[in-house]
């Protein structure tokens, strides 16, 4: 058990919710409109940027990944 999460698991009784809360708590992302200029552009881990075509996630200092956005 991760320290400090006992209360959450007792309240939720759901592993999925438990893991989601831990991910959100650990990331605390900063979300901004705009795009990095390249996959190695300046960036701080856990920053999320977006435009009309992609969502960009900084996974480590100056390291970006992107995900395409499409209609469904």
Protein backbone atom coordinates (compact mmCIF):
# COMPACT_ATOMS: atom_id res chain seq x y z
CA UNK A 1 0.00 0.00 0.00
CA UNK A 2 1.32 3.43 -0.91
CA UNK A 3 1.50 5.67 2.14
CA UNK A 4 -1.45 8.03 2.42
CA UNK A 5 -3.75 6.13 0.04
CA UNK A 6 -5.41 3.80 2.56
CA UNK A 7 -8.31 6.21 3.07
CA UNK A 8 -8.95 6.51 -0.67
CA UNK A 9 -9.12 2.75 -1.21
CA UNK A 10 -11.42 2.29 1.76
CA UNK A 11 -13.80 4.96 0.44
CA UNK A 12 -13.81 3.95 -3.23
CA UNK A 13 -13.49 0.16 -3.08
CA UNK A 14 -12.51 0.26 -6.76
CA UNK A 15 -9.06 -0.53 -8.10
CA UNK A 16 -9.70 1.50 -11.26
CA UNK A 17 -10.63 4.62 -9.30
CA UNK A 18 -7.69 4.04 -6.94
CA UNK A 19 -5.20 3.90 -9.81
CA UNK A 20 -6.78 6.86 -11.62
CA UNK A 21 -6.55 9.01 -8.50
CA UNK A 22 -2.92 8.00 -7.98
CA UNK A 23 -2.05 8.86 -11.60
CA UNK A 24 -3.77 12.24 -11.38
CA UNK A 25 -2.15 13.00 -8.02
CA UNK A 26 1.29 12.03 -9.33
CA UNK A 27 1.12 13.94 -12.61
CA UNK A 28 -0.49 17.26 -11.74
CA UNK A 29 -0.21 18.26 -15.40
CA UNK A 30 0.04 21.81 -16.69
CA UNK A 31 -2.25 22.19 -19.73
CA UNK A 32 -1.58 24.94 -22.28
CA UNK A 33 -2.79 25.87 -25.74
CA UNK A 34 0.07 25.86 -28.27
CA UNK A 35 2.59 23.40 -29.64
CA UNK A 36 6.23 22.50 -29.12
CA UNK A 37 8.35 23.23 -32.21
CA UNK A 38 9.81 19.70 -32.30
CA UNK A 39 10.00 16.43 -30.35
CA UNK A 40 13.06 17.85 -28.51
CA UNK A 41 11.76 21.38 -27.88
CA UNK A 42 12.10 22.90 -24.41
CA UNK A 43 9.58 21.36 -22.06
CA UNK A 44 8.92 20.42 -18.45
CA UNK A 45 7.82 16.84 -17.67
CA UNK A 46 4.03 16.42 -17.39
CA UNK A 47 3.20 19.54 -19.43
CA UNK A 48 0.35 18.99 -21.90
CA UNK A 49 -0.16 21.22 -24.95
CA UNK A 50 -2.72 21.03 -27.72
CA UNK A 51 -3.85 22.46 -31.03
CA UNK A 52 -6.60 21.47 -33.48
CA UNK A 53 -4.73 18.38 -34.72
CA UNK A 54 -2.68 16.96 -31.83
CA UNK A 55 -2.28 16.66 -28.07
CA UNK A 56 1.39 16.93 -27.03
CA UNK A 57 2.71 15.44 -23.78
CA UNK A 58 6.13 16.22 -22.35
CA UNK A 59 7.22 12.84 -20.96
CA UNK A 60 10.67 13.99 -19.75
CA UNK A 61 12.64 17.22 -19.83
CA UNK A 62 12.67 18.41 -23.48
CA UNK A 63 11.07 15.18 -24.73
CA UNK A 64 7.62 15.39 -26.37
CA UNK A 65 5.19 12.78 -27.69
CA UNK A 66 2.04 13.60 -29.62
CA UNK A 67 -1.33 11.98 -30.20
CA UNK A 68 -3.53 12.74 -33.21
CA UNK A 69 -7.03 14.09 -32.64
CA UNK A 70 -9.81 12.90 -34.94
CA UNK A 71 -13.57 13.24 -35.07
CA UNK A 72 -15.60 10.20 -34.14
